[in-house]
Amino acid sequence: MQQFFVNELIENNELVSLDADVLYQLKKVLRVNNGYTFRLVDNDSNVYLCHFENNHARIINKIIENNELDTNITVILSLIKNDKMDFAIQKLCELGVKRIVPYKAYRSVVKEGKATNKIDRFKKIAKEACEQSHRNIIPEITDFINIKEIKNYMNDINVIAYENEDNIVNNFKCNSITILIGPEGGFDEKELEIIKNLGFNSISLGKRILRAETAAIYLTSLIVGDNQ
């Protein structure tokens, strides 16, 4: 069933105005008629079943449902090529992360100046992924950060995936975790040293060298699996 987010609080039996983007999806993409049933999530993460009624949503009833993880997952994702960044953000949102932090790594191929205007796009991708996967919230997509700002996004557990590491962790049971994924060219040695000194534990994801977007999705999947 199709789901949309609205930036307001909803009450039962209310007639809710729908913004232009939602109306476009309903009328132009899905081509629905009055009476079409769909889901709305308000800005307090409440889920409602509703009918389409003359360009509005008629609330039928509240759905008691929480599809969020108990574990708070932050992914600091180094800037990678646009299509790969888009793909990673989409899948991380589907998996249940709470926050995605684009990071300007030393070896990032994509430069911040050319990617700054992508933040709105990232947020749109996140929103659509969360609608598709029936999440209760849309993860925070922060502005780009540099290495000095990484410390502001640390959690109870902090790990960095590094291809030259032998330490393979197989238990990520925790309340909150931050994972840091490098760019296509990998981490610079000096950069890696700074990050480790902040308190990040360097871990291996196995014998094979994974692409940045694959590493982000794979490591997040391991964490989700340990905290279901």
C-alpha atoms as a PDB file:
ATOM      1  CA  MET A   1       0.000   0.000   0.000  1.00  0.00           C
ATOM      2  CA  GLN A   2       1.304   3.432  -0.946  1.00  0.00           C
ATOM      3  CA  GLN A   3       2.537   5.630   1.903  1.00  0.00           C
ATOM      4  CA  PHE A   4       3.258   9.353   2.093  1.00  0.00           C
ATOM      5  CA  PHE A   5       4.668  11.672   4.770  1.00  0.00           C
ATOM      6  CA  VAL A   6       2.982  14.949   5.730  1.00  0.00           C
ATOM      7  CA  ASN A   7       4.604  17.735   7.707  1.00  0.00           C
ATOM      8  CA  GLU A   8       1.806  18.221  10.239  1.00  0.00           C
ATOM      9  CA  LEU A   9      -0.035  16.477  13.058  1.00  0.00           C
ATOM     10  CA  ILE A  10      -3.089  14.455  12.087  1.00  0.00           C
ATOM     11  CA  GLU A  11      -6.230  13.676  14.081  1.00  0.00           C
ATOM     12  CA  ASN A  12      -8.696  10.844  13.478  1.00  0.00           C
ATOM     13  CA  ASN A  13     -11.566  11.628  11.082  1.00  0.00           C
ATOM     14  CA  GLU A  14      -9.734  14.712   9.832  1.00  0.00           C
ATOM     15  CA  LEU A  15      -9.705  15.846   6.210  1.00  0.00           C
ATOM     16  CA  VAL A  16      -6.027  16.488   5.418  1.00  0.00           C
ATOM     17  CA  SER A  17      -4.758  18.759   2.655  1.00  0.00           C
ATOM     18  CA  LEU A  18      -2.134  17.137   0.443  1.00  0.00           C
ATOM     19  CA  ASP A  19       0.833  18.994  -0.964  1.00  0.00           C
ATOM     20  CA  ALA A  20       1.588  19.269  -4.666  1.00  0.00           C
ATOM     21  CA  ASP A  21       4.134  16.438  -4.714  1.00  0.00           C
ATOM     22  CA  VAL A  22       1.739  13.958  -3.099  1.00  0.00           C
ATOM     23  CA  LEU A  23      -1.118  15.008  -5.382  1.00  0.00           C
ATOM     24  CA  TYR A  24       1.147  14.569  -8.396  1.00  0.00           C
ATOM     25  CA  GLN A  25       2.006  11.018  -7.303  1.00  0.00           C
ATOM     26  CA  LEU A  26      -1.623  10.133  -6.658  1.00  0.00           C
ATOM     27  CA  LYS A  27      -3.216  11.739  -9.711  1.00  0.00           C
ATOM     28  CA  LYS A  28      -0.534  11.706 -12.412  1.00  0.00           C
ATOM     29  CA  VAL A  29       1.578   8.667 -11.503  1.00  0.00           C
ATOM     30  CA  LEU A  30      -0.861   6.306  -9.759  1.00  0.00           C
ATOM     31  CA  ARG A  31      -3.943   7.793 -11.491  1.00  0.00           C
ATOM     32  CA  VAL A  32      -6.200   7.112  -8.521  1.00  0.00           C
ATOM     33  CA  ASN A  33      -9.879   7.946  -8.079  1.00  0.00           C
ATOM     34  CA  ASN A  34     -11.851   9.023  -5.026  1.00  0.00           C
ATOM     35  CA  GLY A  35     -11.935   6.209  -2.501  1.00  0.00           C
ATOM     36  CA  TYR A  36      -8.355   5.030  -3.130  1.00  0.00           C
ATOM     37  CA  THR A  37      -6.858   3.759   0.123  1.00  0.00           C
ATOM     38  CA  PHE A  38      -3.351   4.754   1.204  1.00  0.00           C
ATOM     39  CA  ARG A  39      -1.267   5.541   4.274  1.00  0.00           C
ATOM     40  CA  LEU A  40      -0.172   8.868   5.737  1.00  0.00           C
ATOM     41  CA  VAL A  41       2.525   9.397   8.365  1.00  0.00           C
ATOM     42  CA  ASP A  42       2.456  12.678  10.282  1.00  0.00           C
ATOM     43  CA  ASN A  43       5.378  14.595  11.771  1.00  0.00           C
ATOM     44  CA  ASP A  44       5.001  12.731  15.078  1.00  0.00           C
ATOM     45  CA  SER A  45       5.531   9.360  13.339  1.00  0.00           C
ATOM     46  CA  ASN A  46       1.859   8.371  13.640  1.00  0.00           C
ATOM     47  CA  VAL A  47       0.510   6.183  10.825  1.00  0.00           C
ATOM     48  CA  TYR A  48      -3.007   6.595   9.446  1.00  0.00           C
ATOM     49  CA  LEU A  49      -5.127   4.734   6.938  1.00  0.00           C
ATOM     50  CA  CYS A  50      -7.006   7.119   4.684  1.00  0.00           C
ATOM     51  CA  HIS A  51      -9.092   7.508   1.509  1.00  0.00           C
ATOM     52  CA  PHE A  52      -8.456   9.905  -1.328  1.00  0.00           C
ATOM     53  CA  GLU A  53     -11.309  12.432  -1.405  1.00  0.00           C
ATOM     54  CA  ASN A  54     -11.355  15.385  -3.806  1.00  0.00           C
ATOM     55  CA  ASN A  55      -7.602  16.125  -3.575  1.00  0.00           C
ATOM     56  CA  HIS A  56      -7.599  15.518   0.198  1.00  0.00           C
ATOM     57  CA  ALA A  57      -6.978  12.578   2.501  1.00  0.00           C
ATOM     58  CA  ARG A  58      -9.962  11.479   4.588  1.00  0.00           C
ATOM     59  CA  ILE A  59      -8.577   9.793   7.706  1.00  0.00           C
ATOM     60  CA  ILE A  60     -10.197   6.410   8.393  1.00  0.00           C
ATOM     61  CA  ASN A  61      -8.290   5.222  11.426  1.00  0.00           C
ATOM     62  CA  LYS A  62      -4.923   5.273  13.155  1.00  0.00           C
ATOM     63  CA  ILE A  63      -2.615   2.302  12.648  1.00  0.00           C
ATOM     64  CA  ILE A  64      -0.590   1.271  15.698  1.00  0.00           C
ATOM     65  CA  GLU A  65       2.661   0.348  14.050  1.00  0.00           C
ATOM     66  CA  ASN A  66       6.361   0.920  14.667  1.00  0.00           C
ATOM     67  CA  ASN A  67       8.690  -0.203  11.909  1.00  0.00           C
ATOM     68  CA  GLU A  68      11.798   1.490  13.329  1.00  0.00           C
ATOM     69  CA  LEU A  69      14.865  -0.239  14.739  1.00  0.00           C
ATOM     70  CA  ASP A  70      15.628  -0.016  18.446  1.00  0.00           C
ATOM     71  CA  THR A  71      19.253   0.637  17.526  1.00  0.00           C
ATOM     72  CA  ASN A  72      20.210   4.142  16.456  1.00  0.00           C
ATOM     73  CA  ILE A  73      22.443   3.764  13.379  1.00  0.00           C
ATOM     74  CA  THR A  74      24.418   6.680  11.960  1.00  0.00           C
ATOM     75  CA  VAL A  75      26.266   6.169   8.676  1.00  0.00           C
ATOM     76  CA  ILE A  76      29.038   8.614   7.815  1.00  0.00           C
ATOM     77  CA  LEU A  77      29.288   8.054   4.083  1.00  0.00           C
ATOM     78  CA  SER A  78      32.227   9.448   2.152  1.00  0.00           C
ATOM     79  CA  LEU A  79      31.320  11.282  -1.035  1.00  0.00           C
ATOM     80  CA  ILE A  80      31.202   8.834  -3.940  1.00  0.00           C
ATOM     81  CA  LYS A  81      29.995   9.167  -7.520  1.00  0.00           C
ATOM     82  CA  ASN A  82      26.442  10.465  -7.764  1.00  0.00           C
ATOM     83  CA  ASP A  83      24.556   7.379  -8.905  1.00  0.00           C
ATOM     84  CA  LYS A  84      26.331   5.231  -6.309  1.00  0.00           C
ATOM     85  CA  MET A  85      25.657   7.789  -3.564  1.00  0.00           C
ATOM     86  CA  ASP A  86      21.982   7.856  -4.519  1.00  0.00           C
ATOM     87  CA  PHE A  87      21.802   4.058  -4.459  1.00  0.00           C
ATOM     88  CA  ALA A  88      23.532   3.793  -1.073  1.00  0.00           C
ATOM     89  CA  ILE A  89      21.252   6.394   0.513  1.00  0.00           C
ATOM     90  CA  GLN A  90      18.160   4.630  -0.813  1.00  0.00           C
ATOM     91  CA  LYS A  91      19.184   1.234   0.556  1.00  0.00           C
ATOM     92  CA  LEU A  92      20.441   2.569   3.906  1.00  0.00           C
ATOM     93  CA  CYS A  93      17.050   4.213   4.437  1.00  0.00           C
ATOM     94  CA  GLU A  94      15.255   0.987   3.575  1.00  0.00           C
ATOM     95  CA  LEU A  95      17.436  -0.854   6.097  1.00  0.00           C
ATOM     96  CA  GLY A  96      16.460   1.534   8.896  1.00  0.00           C
ATOM     97  CA  VAL A  97      19.340   3.927   9.596  1.00  0.00           C
ATOM     98  CA  LYS A  98      18.488   7.036  11.615  1.00  0.00           C
ATOM     99  CA  ARG A  99      21.045   9.434  10.127  1.00  0.00           C
ATOM    100  CA  ILE A 100      23.255   9.708   7.049  1.00  0.00           C
ATOM    101  CA  VAL A 101      26.223  12.091   7.137  1.00  0.00           C
ATOM    102  CA  PRO A 102      27.937  12.881   3.798  1.00  0.00           C
ATOM    103  CA  TYR A 103      31.669  13.131   4.457  1.00  0.00           C
ATOM    104  CA  LYS A 104      34.295  14.893   2.385  1.00  0.00           C
ATOM    105  CA  ALA A 105      37.100  12.327   2.610  1.00  0.00           C
ATOM    106  CA  TYR A 106      40.662  13.076   1.589  1.00  0.00           C
ATOM    107  CA  ARG A 107      40.352  10.864  -1.497  1.00  0.00           C
ATOM    108  CA  SER A 108      36.745  11.541  -2.423  1.00  0.00           C
ATOM    109  CA  VAL A 109      36.487  11.671  -6.208  1.00  0.00           C
ATOM    110  CA  VAL A 110      33.417  13.900  -6.004  1.00  0.00           C
ATOM    111  CA  LYS A 111      34.288  17.332  -4.658  1.00  0.00           C
ATOM    112  CA  GLU A 112      32.012  19.084  -2.191  1.00  0.00           C
ATOM    113  CA  GLY A 113      31.593  22.157  -4.386  1.00  0.00           C
ATOM    114  CA  LYS A 114      30.053  20.072  -7.162  1.00  0.00           C
ATOM    115  CA  ALA A 115      27.864  18.062  -4.786  1.00  0.00           C
ATOM    116  CA  THR A 116      26.456  20.700  -2.432  1.00  0.00           C
ATOM    117  CA  ASN A 117      23.315  21.089  -4.498  1.00  0.00           C
ATOM    118  CA  LYS A 118      22.715  17.350  -4.118  1.00  0.00           C
ATOM    119  CA  ILE A 119      21.581  17.542  -0.479  1.00  0.00           C
ATOM    120  CA  ASP A 120      17.975  18.241  -1.494  1.00  0.00           C
ATOM    121  CA  ARG A 121      18.153  15.317  -3.895  1.00  0.00           C
ATOM    122  CA  PHE A 122      19.493  13.058  -1.130  1.00  0.00           C
ATOM    123  CA  LYS A 123      16.594  14.092   1.106  1.00  0.00           C
ATOM    124  CA  LYS A 124      14.080  13.335  -1.637  1.00  0.00           C
ATOM    125  CA  ILE A 125      15.613   9.897  -2.202  1.00  0.00           C
ATOM    126  CA  ALA A 126      15.471   9.232   1.550  1.00  0.00           C
ATOM    127  CA  LYS A 127      11.819  10.277   1.744  1.00  0.00           C
ATOM    128  CA  GLU A 128      10.786   8.086  -1.172  1.00  0.00           C
ATOM    129  CA  ALA A 129      12.713   5.102   0.201  1.00  0.00           C
ATOM    130  CA  CYS A 130      11.010   5.470   3.575  1.00  0.00           C
ATOM    131  CA  GLU A 131       7.590   5.734   1.952  1.00  0.00           C
ATOM    132  CA  GLN A 132       8.260   2.577  -0.026  1.00  0.00           C
ATOM    133  CA  SER A 133       9.524   0.639   3.013  1.00  0.00           C
ATOM    134  CA  HIS A 134       6.740   1.891   5.362  1.00  0.00           C
ATOM    135  CA  ARG A 135       9.032   3.543   7.869  1.00  0.00           C
ATOM    136  CA  ASN A 136       7.708   5.816  10.617  1.00  0.00           C
ATOM    137  CA  ILE A 137      10.394   8.444  10.144  1.00  0.00           C
ATOM    138  CA  ILE A 138      12.634   9.898   7.466  1.00  0.00           C
ATOM    139  CA  PRO A 139      16.323   9.718   8.474  1.00  0.00           C
ATOM    140  CA  GLU A 140      18.230  12.937   8.935  1.00  0.00           C
ATOM    141  CA  ILE A 141      20.472  13.823   5.995  1.00  0.00           C
ATOM    142  CA  THR A 142      23.048  16.290   7.297  1.00  0.00           C
ATOM    143  CA  ASP A 143      25.129  18.824   5.434  1.00  0.00           C
ATOM    144  CA  PHE A 144      28.566  17.761   4.241  1.00  0.00           C
ATOM    145  CA  ILE A 145      31.166  17.461   6.988  1.00  0.00           C
ATOM    146  CA  ASN A 146      34.950  17.385   7.083  1.00  0.00           C
ATOM    147  CA  ILE A 147      37.230  15.299   9.274  1.00  0.00           C
ATOM    148  CA  LYS A 148      37.142  17.824  12.142  1.00  0.00           C
ATOM    149  CA  GLU A 149      33.367  17.384  12.455  1.00  0.00           C
ATOM    150  CA  ILE A 150      33.280  13.576  12.623  1.00  0.00           C
ATOM    151  CA  LYS A 151      33.437  13.642  16.431  1.00  0.00           C
ATOM    152  CA  ASN A 152      30.025  15.336  16.517  1.00  0.00           C
ATOM    153  CA  TYR A 153      28.373  12.224  15.094  1.00  0.00           C
ATOM    154  CA  MET A 154      29.874   9.504  17.277  1.00  0.00           C
ATOM    155  CA  ASN A 155      27.767   7.040  19.274  1.00  0.00           C
ATOM    156  CA  ASP A 156      28.210   4.310  21.899  1.00  0.00           C
ATOM    157  CA  ILE A 157      30.061   2.180  19.345  1.00  0.00           C
ATOM    158  CA  ASN A 158      32.056   3.659  16.448  1.00  0.00           C
ATOM    159  CA  VAL A 159      33.577   1.572  13.661  1.00  0.00           C
ATOM    160  CA  ILE A 160      35.406   2.259  10.436  1.00  0.00           C
ATOM    161  CA  ALA A 161      35.519  -0.290   7.623  1.00  0.00           C
ATOM    162  CA  TYR A 162      39.085  -0.695   6.351  1.00  0.00           C
ATOM    163  CA  GLU A 163      40.295  -3.174   3.737  1.00  0.00           C
ATOM    164  CA  ASN A 164      43.759  -3.668   5.323  1.00  0.00           C
ATOM    165  CA  GLU A 165      42.356  -4.664   8.711  1.00  0.00           C
ATOM    166  CA  ASP A 166      42.326  -8.276   9.996  1.00  0.00           C
ATOM    167  CA  ASN A 167      39.873  -7.742  12.855  1.00  0.00           C
ATOM    168  CA  ILE A 168      36.454  -9.071  11.808  1.00  0.00           C
ATOM    169  CA  VAL A 169      33.655  -8.190  14.221  1.00  0.00           C
ATOM    170  CA  ASN A 170      30.632 -10.501  14.148  1.00  0.00           C
ATOM    171  CA  ASN A 171      28.515  -9.042  16.946  1.00  0.00           C
ATOM    172  CA  PHE A 172      27.061  -5.530  16.720  1.00  0.00           C
ATOM    173  CA  LYS A 173      24.464  -5.736  19.490  1.00  0.00           C
ATOM    174  CA  CYS A 174      24.158  -2.170  20.777  1.00  0.00           C
ATOM    175  CA  ASN A 175      21.904   0.799  21.475  1.00  0.00           C
ATOM    176  CA  SER A 176      23.644   3.190  19.107  1.00  0.00           C
ATOM    177  CA  ILE A 177      26.410   2.870  16.555  1.00  0.00           C
ATOM    178  CA  THR A 178      28.220   5.040  14.007  1.00  0.00           C
ATOM    179  CA  ILE A 179      29.860   3.474  10.987  1.00  0.00           C
ATOM    180  CA  LEU A 180      32.266   5.302   8.699  1.00  0.00           C
ATOM    181  CA  ILE A 181      32.637   4.229   5.077  1.00  0.00           C
ATOM    182  CA  GLY A 182      35.492   5.406   2.869  1.00  0.00           C
ATOM    183  CA  PRO A 183      35.436   6.693  -0.733  1.00  0.00           C
ATOM    184  CA  GLU A 184      36.285   4.845  -3.962  1.00  0.00           C
ATOM    185  CA  GLY A 185      40.001   5.410  -3.402  1.00  0.00           C
ATOM    186  CA  GLY A 186      39.980   4.212   0.209  1.00  0.00           C
ATOM    187  CA  PHE A 187      41.183   6.094   3.268  1.00  0.00           C
ATOM    188  CA  ASP A 188      44.375   8.142   3.347  1.00  0.00           C
ATOM    189  CA  GLU A 189      46.761   6.800   6.014  1.00  0.00           C
ATOM    190  CA  LYS A 190      46.923  10.117   7.859  1.00  0.00           C
ATOM    191  CA  GLU A 191      43.147  10.424   7.701  1.00  0.00           C
ATOM    192  CA  LEU A 192      42.754   6.894   9.069  1.00  0.00           C
ATOM    193  CA  GLU A 193      45.089   7.670  11.974  1.00  0.00           C
ATOM    194  CA  ILE A 194      43.083  10.789  12.914  1.00  0.00           C
ATOM    195  CA  ILE A 195      39.827   8.833  12.797  1.00  0.00           C
ATOM    196  CA  LYS A 196      41.209   6.009  14.948  1.00  0.00           C
ATOM    197  CA  ASN A 197      42.486   8.545  17.497  1.00  0.00           C
ATOM    198  CA  LEU A 198      38.924   9.849  17.787  1.00  0.00           C
ATOM    199  CA  GLY A 199      37.905   6.429  19.097  1.00  0.00           C
ATOM    200  CA  PHE A 200      36.811   4.546  15.980  1.00  0.00           C
ATOM    201  CA  ASN A 201      37.581   0.828  15.882  1.00  0.00           C
ATOM    202  CA  SER A 202      38.933  -0.372  12.539  1.00  0.00           C
ATOM    203  CA  ILE A 203      37.275  -3.557  11.258  1.00  0.00           C
ATOM    204  CA  SER A 204      37.474  -5.811   8.222  1.00  0.00           C
ATOM    205  CA  LEU A 205      34.450  -6.790   6.137  1.00  0.00           C
ATOM    206  CA  GLY A 206      36.145  -9.962   4.907  1.00  0.00           C
ATOM    207  CA  LYS A 207      38.744 -11.024   2.375  1.00  0.00           C
ATOM    208  CA  ARG A 208      37.210  -9.302  -0.632  1.00  0.00           C
ATOM    209  CA  ILE A 209      37.501  -5.593  -1.401  1.00  0.00           C
ATOM    210  CA  LEU A 210      33.999  -4.130  -1.511  1.00  0.00           C
ATOM    211  CA  ARG A 211      32.901  -1.012  -3.324  1.00  0.00           C
ATOM    212  CA  ALA A 212      32.016   1.881  -1.025  1.00  0.00           C
ATOM    213  CA  GLU A 213      28.265   1.571  -1.567  1.00  0.00           C
ATOM    214  CA  THR A 214      28.400  -2.209  -1.092  1.00  0.00           C
ATOM    215  CA  ALA A 215      30.397  -1.845   2.128  1.00  0.00           C
ATOM    216  CA  ALA A 216      27.876   0.638   3.541  1.00  0.00           C
ATOM    217  CA  ILE A 217      24.915  -1.605   2.765  1.00  0.00           C
ATOM    218  CA  TYR A 218      26.643  -4.814   3.884  1.00  0.00           C
ATOM    219  CA  LEU A 219      27.846  -3.444   7.225  1.00  0.00           C
ATOM    220  CA  THR A 220      24.488  -1.843   7.961  1.00  0.00           C
ATOM    221  CA  SER A 221      22.773  -5.155   7.176  1.00  0.00           C
ATOM    222  CA  LEU A 222      25.019  -6.924   9.709  1.00  0.00           C
ATOM    223  CA  ILE A 223      24.114  -4.388  12.379  1.00  0.00           C
ATOM    224  CA  VAL A 224      20.392  -4.645  11.612  1.00  0.00           C
ATOM    225  CA  GLY A 225      20.600  -8.439  11.737  1.00  0.00           C
ATOM    226  CA  ASP A 226      22.203  -8.345  15.193  1.00  0.00           C
ATOM    227  CA  ASN A 227      19.575  -5.940  16.529  1.00  0.00           C
ATOM    228  CA  GLN A 228      16.260  -7.237  15.190  1.00  0.00           C
END
